[in-house]
Amino acid sequence: MKKTDTGKTDTGTTEAAIYTASHRHCRIAPRKVRLVTDMIRGLDVATAMTRLDFSPRRGAVFVKVVLKSAIANAEERDADVGSLFIHETKVDEGPIIKRFQPKDRGRSHPIKKRTSHIHVTVAERKS
């Protein structure tokens, strides 16, 4: 973004279009999903889908669903799918579901079931 002489910010309309998708309240810990999103950041869409297909991590399934949604959003707006790449991936913490595990002598230990907000942004490469 550039500042113009009027003091307003120019968003730069010449930049490539950006398409986003997100999955909120996903029932997996954020640190587990971040390992997967770090693996595909900056790759083109076809390579990222292949890596997610063959990844043994459970978070890859959730990220793949969000990536497919971002690609569908781009197709809906007439983007060239062959030139798409992963512009940004972000995993935020969602609300924590708190449960208690009964223990010996009437005690209980807390269990935190963490959730995630997964955001994937794809953009077209400039030709």
C-alpha atoms as a PDB file:
ATOM      1  CA  MET A   1       0.000   0.000   0.000  1.00  0.00           C
ATOM      2  CA  LYS A   2       1.240   3.433  -0.935  1.00  0.00           C
ATOM      3  CA  LYS A   3       0.338   6.809   0.444  1.00  0.00           C
ATOM      4  CA  THR A   4      -0.945   9.242  -2.152  1.00  0.00           C
ATOM      5  CA  ASP A   5      -0.477  12.990  -2.061  1.00  0.00           C
ATOM      6  CA  THR A   6      -3.981  13.362  -0.576  1.00  0.00           C
ATOM      7  CA  GLY A   7      -2.966  11.302   2.453  1.00  0.00           C
ATOM      8  CA  LYS A   8      -5.198   8.332   1.585  1.00  0.00           C
ATOM      9  CA  THR A   9      -3.854   4.826   1.153  1.00  0.00           C
ATOM     10  CA  ASP A  10      -3.751   3.330  -2.312  1.00  0.00           C
ATOM     11  CA  THR A  11      -4.651  -0.351  -2.250  1.00  0.00           C
ATOM     12  CA  GLY A  12      -2.855  -0.996  -5.535  1.00  0.00           C
ATOM     13  CA  THR A  13      -5.476  -2.205  -7.994  1.00  0.00           C
ATOM     14  CA  THR A  14      -2.760  -3.555 -10.318  1.00  0.00           C
ATOM     15  CA  GLU A  15      -1.929  -6.358  -7.881  1.00  0.00           C
ATOM     16  CA  ALA A  16      -3.136  -9.910  -8.543  1.00  0.00           C
ATOM     17  CA  ALA A  17      -6.500 -10.919  -7.134  1.00  0.00           C
ATOM     18  CA  ILE A  18      -6.538 -12.690  -3.766  1.00  0.00           C
ATOM     19  CA  TYR A  19      -9.057 -15.381  -2.796  1.00  0.00           C
ATOM     20  CA  THR A  20      -9.551 -16.643   0.745  1.00  0.00           C
ATOM     21  CA  ALA A  21     -11.308 -19.467   2.566  1.00  0.00           C
ATOM     22  CA  SER A  22     -11.475 -20.406   6.216  1.00  0.00           C
ATOM     23  CA  HIS A  23     -12.607 -23.171   8.547  1.00  0.00           C
ATOM     24  CA  ARG A  24     -13.515 -21.929  11.979  1.00  0.00           C
ATOM     25  CA  HIS A  25     -13.862 -23.923  15.203  1.00  0.00           C
ATOM     26  CA  CYS A  26     -11.948 -26.869  13.744  1.00  0.00           C
ATOM     27  CA  ARG A  27     -11.520 -29.560  16.424  1.00  0.00           C
ATOM     28  CA  ILE A  28      -7.740 -29.956  16.251  1.00  0.00           C
ATOM     29  CA  ALA A  29      -4.970 -28.196  18.167  1.00  0.00           C
ATOM     30  CA  PRO A  30      -3.454 -25.188  16.344  1.00  0.00           C
ATOM     31  CA  ARG A  31       0.151 -26.331  16.784  1.00  0.00           C
ATOM     32  CA  LYS A  32      -0.643 -29.549  14.889  1.00  0.00           C
ATOM     33  CA  VAL A  33      -2.223 -27.701  11.967  1.00  0.00           C
ATOM     34  CA  ARG A  34       0.594 -25.134  11.807  1.00  0.00           C
ATOM     35  CA  LEU A  35       3.051 -27.918  10.945  1.00  0.00           C
ATOM     36  CA  VAL A  36       0.968 -28.680   7.857  1.00  0.00           C
ATOM     37  CA  THR A  37       0.357 -25.075   6.787  1.00  0.00           C
ATOM     38  CA  ASP A  38       4.067 -24.257   7.073  1.00  0.00           C
ATOM     39  CA  MET A  39       4.747 -27.167   4.712  1.00  0.00           C
ATOM     40  CA  ILE A  40       2.599 -25.772   1.857  1.00  0.00           C
ATOM     41  CA  ARG A  41       3.033 -22.001   2.199  1.00  0.00           C
ATOM     42  CA  GLY A  42       4.250 -20.384  -1.032  1.00  0.00           C
ATOM     43  CA  LEU A  43       3.735 -23.457  -3.237  1.00  0.00           C
ATOM     44  CA  ASP A  44       1.573 -23.595  -6.336  1.00  0.00           C
ATOM     45  CA  VAL A  45      -1.841 -25.160  -5.786  1.00  0.00           C
ATOM     46  CA  ALA A  46      -1.209 -28.459  -7.602  1.00  0.00           C
ATOM     47  CA  THR A  47       1.988 -29.189  -5.649  1.00  0.00           C
ATOM     48  CA  ALA A  48       0.304 -28.265  -2.371  1.00  0.00           C
ATOM     49  CA  MET A  49      -2.631 -30.602  -3.052  1.00  0.00           C
ATOM     50  CA  THR A  50      -0.222 -33.448  -3.806  1.00  0.00           C
ATOM     51  CA  ARG A  51       1.711 -32.851  -0.582  1.00  0.00           C
ATOM     52  CA  LEU A  52      -1.503 -32.779   1.413  1.00  0.00           C
ATOM     53  CA  ASP A  53      -2.682 -36.011  -0.224  1.00  0.00           C
ATOM     54  CA  PHE A  54       0.423 -37.874   0.883  1.00  0.00           C
ATOM     55  CA  SER A  55       0.915 -36.238   4.276  1.00  0.00           C
ATOM     56  CA  PRO A  56       0.335 -38.626   7.205  1.00  0.00           C
ATOM     57  CA  ARG A  57      -0.742 -35.814   9.530  1.00  0.00           C
ATOM     58  CA  ARG A  58      -4.380 -35.469  10.561  1.00  0.00           C
ATOM     59  CA  GLY A  59      -4.286 -31.703  10.044  1.00  0.00           C
ATOM     60  CA  ALA A  60      -3.640 -32.208   6.330  1.00  0.00           C
ATOM     61  CA  VAL A  61      -7.256 -33.307   5.850  1.00  0.00           C
ATOM     62  CA  PHE A  62      -8.599 -30.058   7.323  1.00  0.00           C
ATOM     63  CA  VAL A  63      -6.163 -27.860   5.388  1.00  0.00           C
ATOM     64  CA  LYS A  64      -6.972 -29.682   2.136  1.00  0.00           C
ATOM     65  CA  VAL A  65     -10.689 -28.952   2.577  1.00  0.00           C
ATOM     66  CA  VAL A  66      -9.975 -25.242   3.130  1.00  0.00           C
ATOM     67  CA  LEU A  67      -7.603 -25.139   0.144  1.00  0.00           C
ATOM     68  CA  LYS A  68     -10.245 -26.715  -2.118  1.00  0.00           C
ATOM     69  CA  SER A  69     -12.698 -24.076  -0.952  1.00  0.00           C
ATOM     70  CA  ALA A  70     -10.246 -21.267  -1.739  1.00  0.00           C
ATOM     71  CA  ILE A  71      -9.683 -22.724  -5.220  1.00  0.00           C
ATOM     72  CA  ALA A  72     -13.455 -22.923  -5.759  1.00  0.00           C
ATOM     73  CA  ASN A  73     -13.787 -19.281  -4.684  1.00  0.00           C
ATOM     74  CA  ALA A  74     -11.142 -18.336  -7.247  1.00  0.00           C
ATOM     75  CA  GLU A  75     -12.867 -20.340  -9.995  1.00  0.00           C
ATOM     76  CA  GLU A  76     -16.155 -18.645  -9.154  1.00  0.00           C
ATOM     77  CA  ARG A  77     -14.535 -15.288  -9.903  1.00  0.00           C
ATOM     78  CA  ASP A  78     -13.034 -16.510 -13.209  1.00  0.00           C
ATOM     79  CA  ALA A  79      -9.431 -16.836 -12.037  1.00  0.00           C
ATOM     80  CA  ASP A  80      -6.878 -18.932 -13.908  1.00  0.00           C
ATOM     81  CA  VAL A  81      -6.541 -21.994 -11.658  1.00  0.00           C
ATOM     82  CA  GLY A  82      -3.255 -23.011 -13.283  1.00  0.00           C
ATOM     83  CA  SER A  83      -1.536 -19.853 -12.086  1.00  0.00           C
ATOM     84  CA  LEU A  84      -2.765 -19.964  -8.471  1.00  0.00           C
ATOM     85  CA  PHE A  85      -0.339 -20.282  -5.577  1.00  0.00           C
ATOM     86  CA  ILE A  86      -0.732 -20.226  -1.813  1.00  0.00           C
ATOM     87  CA  HIS A  87      -0.231 -16.611  -0.842  1.00  0.00           C
ATOM     88  CA  GLU A  88      -0.827 -16.901   2.902  1.00  0.00           C
ATOM     89  CA  THR A  89      -1.795 -19.525   5.460  1.00  0.00           C
ATOM     90  CA  LYS A  90      -2.770 -18.660   8.989  1.00  0.00           C
ATOM     91  CA  VAL A  91      -3.895 -20.772  11.942  1.00  0.00           C
ATOM     92  CA  ASP A  92      -5.409 -18.994  14.922  1.00  0.00           C
ATOM     93  CA  GLU A  93      -6.536 -20.425  18.230  1.00  0.00           C
ATOM     94  CA  GLY A  94     -10.253 -20.964  18.607  1.00  0.00           C
ATOM     95  CA  PRO A  95     -12.230 -21.362  21.810  1.00  0.00           C
ATOM     96  CA  ILE A  96     -11.002 -24.030  24.227  1.00  0.00           C
ATOM     97  CA  ILE A  97     -13.490 -26.690  25.292  1.00  0.00           C
ATOM     98  CA  LYS A  98     -12.825 -27.498  28.952  1.00  0.00           C
ATOM     99  CA  ARG A  99     -13.494 -30.979  30.326  1.00  0.00           C
ATOM    100  CA  PHE A 100     -12.477 -32.818  33.500  1.00  0.00           C
ATOM    101  CA  GLN A 101     -11.025 -36.314  33.868  1.00  0.00           C
ATOM    102  CA  PRO A 102     -11.901 -38.103  37.135  1.00  0.00           C
ATOM    103  CA  LYS A 103      -8.856 -39.263  39.103  1.00  0.00           C
ATOM    104  CA  ASP A 104      -8.206 -41.228  42.252  1.00  0.00           C
ATOM    105  CA  ARG A 105      -9.420 -40.137  45.710  1.00  0.00           C
ATOM    106  CA  GLY A 106     -12.175 -37.928  44.267  1.00  0.00           C
ATOM    107  CA  ARG A 107      -9.870 -35.571  42.436  1.00  0.00           C
ATOM    108  CA  SER A 108     -10.195 -34.357  38.885  1.00  0.00           C
ATOM    109  CA  HIS A 109      -7.733 -33.129  36.297  1.00  0.00           C
ATOM    110  CA  PRO A 110      -8.665 -30.547  33.673  1.00  0.00           C
ATOM    111  CA  ILE A 111      -8.490 -31.399  29.963  1.00  0.00           C
ATOM    112  CA  LYS A 112      -8.293 -28.618  27.372  1.00  0.00           C
ATOM    113  CA  LYS A 113      -9.726 -29.592  23.982  1.00  0.00           C
ATOM    114  CA  ARG A 114      -8.271 -26.970  21.682  1.00  0.00           C
ATOM    115  CA  THR A 115      -9.865 -25.710  18.488  1.00  0.00           C
ATOM    116  CA  SER A 116      -8.422 -23.857  15.495  1.00  0.00           C
ATOM    117  CA  HIS A 117      -9.387 -21.268  12.926  1.00  0.00           C
ATOM    118  CA  ILE A 118      -7.679 -22.195   9.622  1.00  0.00           C
ATOM    119  CA  HIS A 119      -7.333 -19.478   6.950  1.00  0.00           C
ATOM    120  CA  VAL A 120      -5.883 -20.097   3.467  1.00  0.00           C
ATOM    121  CA  THR A 121      -5.331 -17.342   0.891  1.00  0.00           C
ATOM    122  CA  VAL A 122      -4.502 -18.074  -2.743  1.00  0.00           C
ATOM    123  CA  ALA A 123      -3.479 -15.563  -5.398  1.00  0.00           C
ATOM    124  CA  GLU A 124      -2.639 -15.564  -9.098  1.00  0.00           C
ATOM    125  CA  ARG A 125       0.978 -15.333 -10.155  1.00  0.00           C
ATOM    126  CA  LYS A 126       1.734 -12.384 -12.385  1.00  0.00           C
ATOM    127  CA  SER A 127       2.627 -13.461 -15.911  1.00  0.00           C
END
